[in-house]
Amino acid sequence: MKNEKWNTENILSQKGRVAIVTGSSSGIGYETARVLANKQASVIIAVRNLDKGNKALAKILQQNKDADVKVMELDLANLASVKNFAENFQKNYVRLDLLINNAGVMIPPYSKTTDGFELQFGTNHLGHFALTGQLLERLIDTEDSRIVNVSSGAHSIGKIDFDDLNWEKRSYAKWKAYGDSKLANLYFTYELDRKLKDKGIDTLVTASHPGWTATELQRTAGGVVKYLNGILAQDITMGALPTLRAATEAGLKGAEYFGPNGFMEMRGYPIKVESNELSKDQAIAKKLWEVSEKLTNVKFEFNKKTQSAGK
């Protein structure tokens, strides 16, 4: 397999596997769900807006009438909704092979989640942290399961301020807050990977970033971003490839990070890339983990079961 040209043809059949893709009514989430459905996975489109989710479902079925796709409601900016989703999923599914934490908000005006967290940190990090924790039992019970956290090159402008996580003391800088949330995604990836390995659990955690991809996320961005989109951005079929590779590549060990192979990782085919040094700080990752458990009231239970699902 040539690394530099990895594409969907490299993905083996996903028949029998169950995948959740958050934020999959549009953009790279939609493309990720579409490709996995075409590879015969059972895919859950987990979205806040059911109407948009159902349109995405109809689009996938139009291309592939045999696709096994369902829409379920999930608002990551509301911890009660996250809990409700996890409970509903577990009532209906005995296994979970792939959890793709893709959904995100990007550079909106200052606002807060239902639970009072700054919107980007609360949705992009805490919502997915709580979701993963509440689905962990299913993941651990499913052989060869995997979690993919979608980060961003913007993690490099992030630096978590534990004294002001909700931007109540500082003047709000939306790009910086976005960078913080994407840096948090990587701390979460690396710390969860360490914890699973410590317990001898074979669930893998990986991360990805889409480079510069033209999606709905940029709708709140200003004129410059919109202008550059036309020149620099790749389309969602390319933008989803790092996520798909992180989700399906055989032989990974955990904590790998995939992004495009082009200039400044903005576009191109997916390869293993490196996140910045700050993202690898274990003391910060551990502190963020503890804070996240307190804020979400979700405690991760690393109970190794028989890993019977699928055996």
C-alpha atoms as a PDB file:
ATOM      1  CA  MET A   1       0.000   0.000   0.000  1.00  0.00           C
ATOM      2  CA  LYS A   2       1.375   3.404  -0.947  1.00  0.00           C
ATOM      3  CA  ASN A   3       0.996   5.700   2.013  1.00  0.00           C
ATOM      4  CA  GLU A   4       0.892   8.928   0.056  1.00  0.00           C
ATOM      5  CA  LYS A   5      -2.153   7.925  -1.991  1.00  0.00           C
ATOM      6  CA  TRP A   6      -4.290   6.237   0.667  1.00  0.00           C
ATOM      7  CA  ASN A   7      -7.978   6.459  -0.256  1.00  0.00           C
ATOM      8  CA  THR A   8     -11.303   4.720   0.295  1.00  0.00           C
ATOM      9  CA  GLU A   9     -10.226   1.784  -1.885  1.00  0.00           C
ATOM     10  CA  ASN A  10      -7.848   0.864   0.946  1.00  0.00           C
ATOM     11  CA  ILE A  11     -10.793   0.305   3.321  1.00  0.00           C
ATOM     12  CA  LEU A  12     -11.796  -3.329   3.746  1.00  0.00           C
ATOM     13  CA  SER A  13     -15.408  -4.412   4.207  1.00  0.00           C
ATOM     14  CA  GLN A  14     -16.887  -3.145   7.483  1.00  0.00           C
ATOM     15  CA  LYS A  15     -19.738  -5.672   7.407  1.00  0.00           C
ATOM     16  CA  GLY A  16     -21.006  -6.527  10.888  1.00  0.00           C
ATOM     17  CA  ARG A  17     -19.444  -3.448  12.449  1.00  0.00           C
ATOM     18  CA  VAL A  18     -21.441  -0.710  14.155  1.00  0.00           C
ATOM     19  CA  ALA A  19     -20.229   2.897  13.827  1.00  0.00           C
ATOM     20  CA  ILE A  20     -21.390   6.143  15.412  1.00  0.00           C
ATOM     21  CA  VAL A  21     -20.355   9.330  13.603  1.00  0.00           C
ATOM     22  CA  THR A  22     -21.193  12.528  15.484  1.00  0.00           C
ATOM     23  CA  GLY A  23     -22.075  15.618  13.481  1.00  0.00           C
ATOM     24  CA  SER A  24     -22.600  13.633  10.306  1.00  0.00           C
ATOM     25  CA  SER A  25     -25.404  15.528   8.585  1.00  0.00           C
ATOM     26  CA  SER A  26     -22.877  17.526   6.528  1.00  0.00           C
ATOM     27  CA  GLY A  27     -19.185  18.045   5.811  1.00  0.00           C
ATOM     28  CA  ILE A  28     -16.533  15.475   6.653  1.00  0.00           C
ATOM     29  CA  GLY A  29     -18.862  13.770   9.144  1.00  0.00           C
ATOM     30  CA  TYR A  30     -21.388  13.115   6.391  1.00  0.00           C
ATOM     31  CA  GLU A  31     -18.679  11.860   4.046  1.00  0.00           C
ATOM     32  CA  THR A  32     -17.269   9.593   6.776  1.00  0.00           C
ATOM     33  CA  ALA A  33     -20.733   8.118   7.438  1.00  0.00           C
ATOM     34  CA  ARG A  34     -21.402   7.688   3.698  1.00  0.00           C
ATOM     35  CA  VAL A  35     -18.138   5.841   3.051  1.00  0.00           C
ATOM     36  CA  LEU A  36     -18.548   3.552   6.075  1.00  0.00           C
ATOM     37  CA  ALA A  37     -22.125   2.753   5.014  1.00  0.00           C
ATOM     38  CA  ASN A  38     -20.875   1.933   1.512  1.00  0.00           C
ATOM     39  CA  LYS A  39     -18.340  -0.413   3.127  1.00  0.00           C
ATOM     40  CA  GLN A  40     -21.325  -2.196   4.760  1.00  0.00           C
ATOM     41  CA  ALA A  41     -21.013  -0.889   8.317  1.00  0.00           C
ATOM     42  CA  SER A  42     -24.185  -0.163  10.320  1.00  0.00           C
ATOM     43  CA  VAL A  43     -23.887   3.599  10.746  1.00  0.00           C
ATOM     44  CA  ILE A  44     -25.571   5.897  13.255  1.00  0.00           C
ATOM     45  CA  ILE A  45     -25.797   9.518  12.130  1.00  0.00           C
ATOM     46  CA  ALA A  46     -25.687  11.240  15.529  1.00  0.00           C
ATOM     47  CA  VAL A  47     -26.890  14.818  15.103  1.00  0.00           C
ATOM     48  CA  ARG A  48     -28.507  17.711  16.897  1.00  0.00           C
ATOM     49  CA  ASN A  49     -30.826  18.538  14.006  1.00  0.00           C
ATOM     50  CA  LEU A  50     -32.936  15.487  13.096  1.00  0.00           C
ATOM     51  CA  ASP A  51     -34.273  17.131   9.952  1.00  0.00           C
ATOM     52  CA  LYS A  52     -30.733  17.618   8.592  1.00  0.00           C
ATOM     53  CA  GLY A  53     -29.844  14.114   9.745  1.00  0.00           C
ATOM     54  CA  ASN A  54     -32.776  12.622   7.834  1.00  0.00           C
ATOM     55  CA  LYS A  55     -31.784  14.545   4.688  1.00  0.00           C
ATOM     56  CA  ALA A  56     -28.257  13.118   4.985  1.00  0.00           C
ATOM     57  CA  LEU A  57     -29.757   9.647   5.450  1.00  0.00           C
ATOM     58  CA  ALA A  58     -31.921  10.068   2.332  1.00  0.00           C
ATOM     59  CA  LYS A  59     -28.875  11.186   0.328  1.00  0.00           C
ATOM     60  CA  ILE A  60     -26.890   8.100   1.378  1.00  0.00           C
ATOM     61  CA  LEU A  61     -29.815   5.769   0.565  1.00  0.00           C
ATOM     62  CA  GLN A  62     -30.235   7.434  -2.823  1.00  0.00           C
ATOM     63  CA  GLN A  63     -26.671   6.397  -3.681  1.00  0.00           C
ATOM     64  CA  ASN A  64     -26.879   3.019  -1.963  1.00  0.00           C
ATOM     65  CA  LYS A  65     -30.332   1.566  -1.278  1.00  0.00           C
ATOM     66  CA  ASP A  66     -28.781  -1.257   0.798  1.00  0.00           C
ATOM     67  CA  ALA A  67     -27.023   1.081   3.233  1.00  0.00           C
ATOM     68  CA  ASP A  68     -27.750   0.366   6.917  1.00  0.00           C
ATOM     69  CA  VAL A  69     -27.999   3.879   8.358  1.00  0.00           C
ATOM     70  CA  LYS A  70     -30.033   5.319  11.219  1.00  0.00           C
ATOM     71  CA  VAL A  71     -30.404   8.834  12.597  1.00  0.00           C
ATOM     72  CA  MET A  72     -30.281   9.481  16.342  1.00  0.00           C
ATOM     73  CA  GLU A  73     -30.545  12.757  18.208  1.00  0.00           C
ATOM     74  CA  LEU A  74     -27.428  13.996  19.971  1.00  0.00           C
ATOM     75  CA  ASP A  75     -26.757  17.545  21.156  1.00  0.00           C
ATOM     76  CA  LEU A  76     -23.173  17.644  22.426  1.00  0.00           C
ATOM     77  CA  ALA A  77     -23.797  21.077  23.948  1.00  0.00           C
ATOM     78  CA  ASN A  78     -26.265  19.510  26.377  1.00  0.00           C
ATOM     79  CA  LEU A  79     -25.042  16.813  28.788  1.00  0.00           C
ATOM     80  CA  ALA A  80     -28.600  15.519  29.355  1.00  0.00           C
ATOM     81  CA  SER A  81     -28.904  14.910  25.602  1.00  0.00           C
ATOM     82  CA  VAL A  82     -25.528  13.111  25.600  1.00  0.00           C
ATOM     83  CA  LYS A  83     -26.699  10.837  28.425  1.00  0.00           C
ATOM     84  CA  ASN A  84     -30.005  10.201  26.681  1.00  0.00           C
ATOM     85  CA  PHE A  85     -28.240   9.285  23.426  1.00  0.00           C
ATOM     86  CA  ALA A  86     -25.872   6.869  25.189  1.00  0.00           C
ATOM     87  CA  GLU A  87     -28.781   5.172  26.988  1.00  0.00           C
ATOM     88  CA  ASN A  88     -30.846   4.866  23.782  1.00  0.00           C
ATOM     89  CA  PHE A  89     -27.900   3.481  21.872  1.00  0.00           C
ATOM     90  CA  GLN A  90     -27.157   0.873  24.528  1.00  0.00           C
ATOM     91  CA  LYS A  91     -30.790  -0.255  24.590  1.00  0.00           C
ATOM     92  CA  ASN A  92     -30.636  -0.972  20.867  1.00  0.00           C
ATOM     93  CA  TYR A  93     -27.087  -2.159  20.202  1.00  0.00           C
ATOM     94  CA  VAL A  94     -25.009  -4.851  21.896  1.00  0.00           C
ATOM     95  CA  ARG A  95     -21.761  -3.746  20.227  1.00  0.00           C
ATOM     96  CA  LEU A  96     -19.938  -0.576  19.206  1.00  0.00           C
ATOM     97  CA  ASP A  97     -16.972  -0.989  16.880  1.00  0.00           C
ATOM     98  CA  LEU A  98     -16.318   2.613  15.936  1.00  0.00           C
ATOM     99  CA  LEU A  99     -17.002   5.858  17.763  1.00  0.00           C
ATOM    100  CA  ILE A 100     -16.016   8.799  15.578  1.00  0.00           C
ATOM    101  CA  ASN A 101     -16.079  12.007  17.599  1.00  0.00           C
ATOM    102  CA  ASN A 102     -16.328  14.339  14.633  1.00  0.00           C
ATOM    103  CA  ALA A 103     -18.920  16.999  15.484  1.00  0.00           C
ATOM    104  CA  GLY A 104     -17.732  20.472  16.283  1.00  0.00           C
ATOM    105  CA  VAL A 105     -18.485  24.149  16.366  1.00  0.00           C
ATOM    106  CA  MET A 106     -15.932  26.546  14.931  1.00  0.00           C
ATOM    107  CA  ILE A 107     -15.378  30.212  15.808  1.00  0.00           C
ATOM    108  CA  PRO A 108     -18.961  31.207  16.695  1.00  0.00           C
ATOM    109  CA  PRO A 109     -19.678  34.408  18.636  1.00  0.00           C
ATOM    110  CA  TYR A 110     -19.308  33.929  22.403  1.00  0.00           C
ATOM    111  CA  SER A 111     -22.002  31.723  23.854  1.00  0.00           C
ATOM    112  CA  LYS A 112     -22.433  28.901  26.337  1.00  0.00           C
ATOM    113  CA  THR A 113     -23.726  25.351  26.319  1.00  0.00           C
ATOM    114  CA  THR A 114     -26.873  24.344  28.212  1.00  0.00           C
ATOM    115  CA  ASP A 115     -24.635  23.448  31.181  1.00  0.00           C
ATOM    116  CA  GLY A 116     -22.799  26.792  31.181  1.00  0.00           C
ATOM    117  CA  PHE A 117     -19.540  25.897  29.393  1.00  0.00           C
ATOM    118  CA  GLU A 118     -17.983  28.071  26.693  1.00  0.00           C
ATOM    119  CA  LEU A 119     -19.573  26.692  23.530  1.00  0.00           C
ATOM    120  CA  GLN A 120     -16.483  25.431  21.658  1.00  0.00           C
ATOM    121  CA  PHE A 121     -14.775  23.789  24.642  1.00  0.00           C
ATOM    122  CA  GLY A 122     -18.129  22.484  25.925  1.00  0.00           C
ATOM    123  CA  THR A 123     -19.176  20.958  22.607  1.00  0.00           C
ATOM    124  CA  ASN A 124     -15.918  19.929  20.955  1.00  0.00           C
ATOM    125  CA  HIS A 125     -14.245  18.533  24.065  1.00  0.00           C
ATOM    126  CA  LEU A 126     -16.569  18.054  27.042  1.00  0.00           C
ATOM    127  CA  GLY A 127     -19.521  16.756  25.013  1.00  0.00           C
ATOM    128  CA  HIS A 128     -17.368  14.115  23.334  1.00  0.00           C
ATOM    129  CA  PHE A 129     -15.594  13.295  26.605  1.00  0.00           C
ATOM    130  CA  ALA A 130     -18.977  12.610  28.259  1.00  0.00           C
ATOM    131  CA  LEU A 131     -20.234  10.645  25.255  1.00  0.00           C
ATOM    132  CA  THR A 132     -17.150   8.423  25.123  1.00  0.00           C
ATOM    133  CA  GLY A 133     -17.273   7.766  28.863  1.00  0.00           C
ATOM    134  CA  GLN A 134     -20.909   6.693  28.690  1.00  0.00           C
ATOM    135  CA  LEU A 135     -20.322   4.409  25.702  1.00  0.00           C
ATOM    136  CA  LEU A 136     -17.092   2.939  27.026  1.00  0.00           C
ATOM    137  CA  GLU A 137     -18.656  -0.282  28.276  1.00  0.00           C
ATOM    138  CA  ARG A 138     -19.951  -1.111  24.772  1.00  0.00           C
ATOM    139  CA  LEU A 139     -16.571  -0.256  23.237  1.00  0.00           C
ATOM    140  CA  ILE A 140     -14.624  -2.364  25.741  1.00  0.00           C
ATOM    141  CA  ASP A 141     -17.014  -5.287  25.190  1.00  0.00           C
ATOM    142  CA  THR A 142     -16.477  -5.155  21.416  1.00  0.00           C
ATOM    143  CA  GLU A 143     -13.341  -6.770  20.090  1.00  0.00           C
ATOM    144  CA  ASP A 144     -11.070  -4.481  18.029  1.00  0.00           C
ATOM    145  CA  SER A 145     -13.182  -1.415  18.732  1.00  0.00           C
ATOM    146  CA  ARG A 146     -11.820   2.042  18.038  1.00  0.00           C
ATOM    147  CA  ILE A 147     -12.392   5.683  18.983  1.00  0.00           C
ATOM    148  CA  VAL A 148     -11.366   8.479  16.607  1.00  0.00           C
ATOM    149  CA  ASN A 149     -11.191  12.074  17.841  1.00  0.00           C
ATOM    150  CA  VAL A 150     -11.235  14.679  15.086  1.00  0.00           C
ATOM    151  CA  SER A 151      -8.882  17.517  15.996  1.00  0.00           C
ATOM    152  CA  SER A 152      -7.457  20.343  13.853  1.00  0.00           C
ATOM    153  CA  GLY A 153      -4.196  21.985  12.871  1.00  0.00           C
ATOM    154  CA  ALA A 154      -5.564  24.868  14.968  1.00  0.00           C
ATOM    155  CA  HIS A 155      -4.578  22.867  18.089  1.00  0.00           C
ATOM    156  CA  SER A 156      -1.210  24.599  17.652  1.00  0.00           C
ATOM    157  CA  ILE A 157      -2.693  27.972  18.717  1.00  0.00           C
ATOM    158  CA  GLY A 158      -4.342  26.449  21.796  1.00  0.00           C
ATOM    159  CA  LYS A 159      -3.206  26.619  25.414  1.00  0.00           C
ATOM    160  CA  ILE A 160      -5.654  25.517  28.097  1.00  0.00           C
ATOM    161  CA  ASP A 161      -6.271  28.145  30.791  1.00  0.00           C
ATOM    162  CA  PHE A 162      -7.556  26.107  33.721  1.00  0.00           C
ATOM    163  CA  ASP A 163      -8.396  29.292  35.643  1.00  0.00           C
ATOM    164  CA  ASP A 164     -10.760  30.511  32.950  1.00  0.00           C
ATOM    165  CA  LEU A 165     -12.058  27.569  30.919  1.00  0.00           C
ATOM    166  CA  ASN A 166     -15.299  29.387  30.134  1.00  0.00           C
ATOM    167  CA  TRP A 167     -13.727  32.719  29.108  1.00  0.00           C
ATOM    168  CA  GLU A 168     -15.474  34.662  31.856  1.00  0.00           C
ATOM    169  CA  LYS A 169     -12.380  36.636  32.915  1.00  0.00           C
ATOM    170  CA  ARG A 170     -10.645  37.179  29.586  1.00  0.00           C
ATOM    171  CA  SER A 171     -11.827  39.020  26.522  1.00  0.00           C
ATOM    172  CA  TYR A 172     -13.200  36.304  24.192  1.00  0.00           C
ATOM    173  CA  ALA A 173     -10.896  35.268  21.356  1.00  0.00           C
ATOM    174  CA  LYS A 174     -12.899  32.818  19.267  1.00  0.00           C
ATOM    175  CA  TRP A 175      -9.983  31.406  17.265  1.00  0.00           C
ATOM    176  CA  LYS A 176      -7.962  30.883  20.433  1.00  0.00           C
ATOM    177  CA  ALA A 177     -10.956  29.178  22.091  1.00  0.00           C
ATOM    178  CA  TYR A 178     -11.321  26.949  19.041  1.00  0.00           C
ATOM    179  CA  GLY A 179      -7.622  26.068  19.242  1.00  0.00           C
ATOM    180  CA  ASP A 180      -8.039  25.248  22.941  1.00  0.00           C
ATOM    181  CA  SER A 181     -10.914  22.850  22.201  1.00  0.00           C
ATOM    182  CA  LYS A 182      -8.924  21.084  19.459  1.00  0.00           C
ATOM    183  CA  LEU A 183      -5.861  20.825  21.725  1.00  0.00           C
ATOM    184  CA  ALA A 184      -8.171  19.311  24.345  1.00  0.00           C
ATOM    185  CA  ASN A 185      -9.227  16.664  21.786  1.00  0.00           C
ATOM    186  CA  LEU A 186      -5.574  15.569  21.565  1.00  0.00           C
ATOM    187  CA  TYR A 187      -4.965  15.575  25.331  1.00  0.00           C
ATOM    188  CA  PHE A 188      -8.078  13.396  25.597  1.00  0.00           C
ATOM    189  CA  THR A 189      -6.852  11.046  22.846  1.00  0.00           C
ATOM    190  CA  TYR A 190      -3.416  10.527  24.370  1.00  0.00           C
ATOM    191  CA  GLU A 191      -4.609  10.210  27.975  1.00  0.00           C
ATOM    192  CA  LEU A 192      -7.405   7.777  27.077  1.00  0.00           C
ATOM    193  CA  ASP A 193      -4.893   5.731  25.074  1.00  0.00           C
ATOM    194  CA  ARG A 194      -2.593   5.524  28.128  1.00  0.00           C
ATOM    195  CA  LYS A 195      -5.441   4.522  30.439  1.00  0.00           C
ATOM    196  CA  LEU A 196      -6.711   1.770  28.123  1.00  0.00           C
ATOM    197  CA  LYS A 197      -3.204   0.359  27.682  1.00  0.00           C
ATOM    198  CA  ASP A 198      -2.643   0.440  31.460  1.00  0.00           C
ATOM    199  CA  LYS A 199      -5.718  -1.776  31.869  1.00  0.00           C
ATOM    200  CA  GLY A 200      -4.755  -4.121  29.036  1.00  0.00           C
ATOM    201  CA  ILE A 201      -7.857  -3.176  27.028  1.00  0.00           C
ATOM    202  CA  ASP A 202      -7.531  -3.527  23.258  1.00  0.00           C
ATOM    203  CA  THR A 203      -9.843  -0.642  22.305  1.00  0.00           C
ATOM    204  CA  LEU A 204      -7.733   1.778  20.237  1.00  0.00           C
ATOM    205  CA  VAL A 205      -7.879   5.574  20.322  1.00  0.00           C
ATOM    206  CA  THR A 206      -6.601   7.576  17.369  1.00  0.00           C
ATOM    207  CA  ALA A 207      -6.958  11.152  16.138  1.00  0.00           C
ATOM    208  CA  SER A 208      -7.150  12.952  12.830  1.00  0.00           C
ATOM    209  CA  HIS A 209      -7.442  16.388  11.305  1.00  0.00           C
ATOM    210  CA  PRO A 210      -8.924  17.251   7.907  1.00  0.00           C
ATOM    211  CA  GLY A 211      -6.491  19.963   6.836  1.00  0.00           C
ATOM    212  CA  TRP A 212      -8.215  22.879   5.146  1.00  0.00           C
ATOM    213  CA  THR A 213     -11.520  21.457   3.987  1.00  0.00           C
ATOM    214  CA  ALA A 214     -14.478  23.448   2.711  1.00  0.00           C
ATOM    215  CA  THR A 215     -17.341  22.628   5.101  1.00  0.00           C
ATOM    216  CA  GLU A 216     -20.280  24.321   6.794  1.00  0.00           C
ATOM    217  CA  LEU A 217     -18.059  24.904   9.830  1.00  0.00           C
ATOM    218  CA  GLN A 218     -16.624  27.978   8.147  1.00  0.00           C
ATOM    219  CA  ARG A 219     -20.006  29.665   7.882  1.00  0.00           C
ATOM    220  CA  THR A 220     -19.194  31.920  10.854  1.00  0.00           C
ATOM    221  CA  ALA A 221     -15.769  32.819   9.462  1.00  0.00           C
ATOM    222  CA  GLY A 222     -15.039  36.197   7.904  1.00  0.00           C
ATOM    223  CA  GLY A 223     -14.328  37.210   4.322  1.00  0.00           C
ATOM    224  CA  VAL A 224     -10.662  36.159   4.287  1.00  0.00           C
ATOM    225  CA  VAL A 225     -11.448  32.561   5.225  1.00  0.00           C
ATOM    226  CA  LYS A 226     -14.232  32.446   2.650  1.00  0.00           C
ATOM    227  CA  TYR A 227     -11.891  33.871   0.013  1.00  0.00           C
ATOM    228  CA  LEU A 228      -9.078  31.427   0.842  1.00  0.00           C
ATOM    229  CA  ASN A 229     -11.569  28.547   0.840  1.00  0.00           C
ATOM    230  CA  GLY A 230     -11.889  28.961  -2.894  1.00  0.00           C
ATOM    231  CA  ILE A 231      -8.126  28.727  -3.374  1.00  0.00           C
ATOM    232  CA  LEU A 232      -6.801  26.411  -0.660  1.00  0.00           C
ATOM    233  CA  ALA A 233      -9.629  24.183   0.484  1.00  0.00           C
ATOM    234  CA  GLN A 234      -9.986  20.581  -0.557  1.00  0.00           C
ATOM    235  CA  ASP A 235     -13.406  18.980  -0.807  1.00  0.00           C
ATOM    236  CA  ILE A 236     -14.976  16.713   1.798  1.00  0.00           C
ATOM    237  CA  THR A 237     -14.048  13.506  -0.028  1.00  0.00           C
ATOM    238  CA  MET A 238     -10.387  14.366   0.655  1.00  0.00           C
ATOM    239  CA  GLY A 239     -11.038  15.999   4.020  1.00  0.00           C
ATOM    240  CA  ALA A 240     -12.648  12.839   5.413  1.00  0.00           C
ATOM    241  CA  LEU A 241      -9.746  10.559   4.453  1.00  0.00           C
ATOM    242  CA  PRO A 242      -7.594  11.188   7.574  1.00  0.00           C
ATOM    243  CA  THR A 243     -10.581  10.254   9.765  1.00  0.00           C
ATOM    244  CA  LEU A 244     -11.320   7.169   7.693  1.00  0.00           C
ATOM    245  CA  ARG A 245      -7.715   6.055   7.818  1.00  0.00           C
ATOM    246  CA  ALA A 246      -7.564   6.591  11.594  1.00  0.00           C
ATOM    247  CA  ALA A 247     -10.789   4.566  11.862  1.00  0.00           C
ATOM    248  CA  THR A 248     -10.014   1.614   9.619  1.00  0.00           C
ATOM    249  CA  GLU A 249      -6.272   1.123   9.073  1.00  0.00           C
ATOM    250  CA  ALA A 250      -5.096  -2.255  10.361  1.00  0.00           C
ATOM    251  CA  GLY A 251      -2.045  -2.607  12.580  1.00  0.00           C
ATOM    252  CA  LEU A 252      -2.319   0.674  14.492  1.00  0.00           C
ATOM    253  CA  LYS A 253      -1.087   0.763  18.088  1.00  0.00           C
ATOM    254  CA  GLY A 254      -3.159   3.682  19.419  1.00  0.00           C
ATOM    255  CA  ALA A 255      -2.503   7.434  19.774  1.00  0.00           C
ATOM    256  CA  GLU A 256      -1.685   7.829  16.065  1.00  0.00           C
ATOM    257  CA  TYR A 257      -2.625  11.163  14.492  1.00  0.00           C
ATOM    258  CA  PHE A 258      -3.470  11.390  10.787  1.00  0.00           C
ATOM    259  CA  GLY A 259      -3.596  14.445   8.550  1.00  0.00           C
ATOM    260  CA  PRO A 260      -3.018  15.470   4.911  1.00  0.00           C
ATOM    261  CA  ASN A 261       0.448  15.035   3.398  1.00  0.00           C
ATOM    262  CA  GLY A 262       0.561  18.361   1.522  1.00  0.00           C
ATOM    263  CA  PHE A 263       2.054  21.778   2.311  1.00  0.00           C
ATOM    264  CA  MET A 264       1.522  22.651   6.000  1.00  0.00           C
ATOM    265  CA  GLU A 265      -0.832  19.639   6.194  1.00  0.00           C
ATOM    266  CA  MET A 266      -3.520  21.733   4.546  1.00  0.00           C
ATOM    267  CA  ARG A 267      -4.469  19.301   1.800  1.00  0.00           C
ATOM    268  CA  GLY A 268      -3.510  15.977   0.299  1.00  0.00           C
ATOM    269  CA  TYR A 269      -3.712  12.287   1.075  1.00  0.00           C
ATOM    270  CA  PRO A 270      -3.731  11.102   4.711  1.00  0.00           C
ATOM    271  CA  ILE A 271      -0.503  10.108   6.440  1.00  0.00           C
ATOM    272  CA  LYS A 272       0.614   9.845  10.047  1.00  0.00           C
ATOM    273  CA  VAL A 273       1.496  13.332  11.283  1.00  0.00           C
ATOM    274  CA  GLU A 274       2.723  14.746  14.587  1.00  0.00           C
ATOM    275  CA  SER A 275       0.809  17.072  16.870  1.00  0.00           C
ATOM    276  CA  ASN A 276       2.790  19.789  18.647  1.00  0.00           C
ATOM    277  CA  GLU A 277       4.883  19.323  21.795  1.00  0.00           C
ATOM    278  CA  LEU A 278       2.358  21.001  24.090  1.00  0.00           C
ATOM    279  CA  SER A 279      -0.290  18.421  23.104  1.00  0.00           C
ATOM    280  CA  LYS A 280       1.975  15.675  24.455  1.00  0.00           C
ATOM    281  CA  ASP A 281       2.302  17.168  27.955  1.00  0.00           C
ATOM    282  CA  GLN A 282       1.107  14.332  30.189  1.00  0.00           C
ATOM    283  CA  ALA A 283       0.657  16.490  33.291  1.00  0.00           C
ATOM    284  CA  ILE A 284      -1.749  18.817  31.476  1.00  0.00           C
ATOM    285  CA  ALA A 285      -3.575  15.848  29.917  1.00  0.00           C
ATOM    286  CA  LYS A 286      -4.033  14.262  33.350  1.00  0.00           C
ATOM    287  CA  LYS A 287      -5.278  17.528  34.862  1.00  0.00           C
ATOM    288  CA  LEU A 288      -7.690  18.111  31.972  1.00  0.00           C
ATOM    289  CA  TRP A 289      -9.013  14.561  32.424  1.00  0.00           C
ATOM    290  CA  GLU A 290      -9.730  15.135  36.122  1.00  0.00           C
ATOM    291  CA  VAL A 291     -11.362  18.505  35.444  1.00  0.00           C
ATOM    292  CA  SER A 292     -13.441  17.006  32.620  1.00  0.00           C
ATOM    293  CA  GLU A 293     -14.732  14.183  34.838  1.00  0.00           C
ATOM    294  CA  LYS A 294     -15.783  16.763  37.457  1.00  0.00           C
ATOM    295  CA  LEU A 295     -17.423  19.139  34.982  1.00  0.00           C
ATOM    296  CA  THR A 296     -19.363  16.460  33.109  1.00  0.00           C
ATOM    297  CA  ASN A 297     -19.977  14.227  36.122  1.00  0.00           C
ATOM    298  CA  VAL A 298     -18.964  11.284  33.914  1.00  0.00           C
ATOM    299  CA  LYS A 299     -16.484   8.856  35.392  1.00  0.00           C
ATOM    300  CA  PHE A 300     -14.763   6.439  33.033  1.00  0.00           C
ATOM    301  CA  GLU A 301     -15.036   2.815  34.170  1.00  0.00           C
ATOM    302  CA  PHE A 302     -12.232   0.724  32.700  1.00  0.00           C
ATOM    303  CA  ASN A 303     -13.757  -2.646  33.456  1.00  0.00           C
ATOM    304  CA  LYS A 304     -12.279  -5.244  31.195  1.00  0.00           C
ATOM    305  CA  LYS A 305     -15.046  -7.663  30.320  1.00  0.00           C
ATOM    306  CA  THR A 306     -14.784 -10.782  28.197  1.00  0.00           C
ATOM    307  CA  GLN A 307     -14.782  -8.645  25.046  1.00  0.00           C
ATOM    308  CA  SER A 308     -17.373 -11.086  23.856  1.00  0.00           C
ATOM    309  CA  ALA A 309     -19.151  -9.056  21.168  1.00  0.00           C
ATOM    310  CA  GLY A 310     -17.894 -10.269  17.864  1.00  0.00           C
ATOM    311  CA  LYS A 311     -16.165 -13.389  19.196  1.00  0.00           C
END
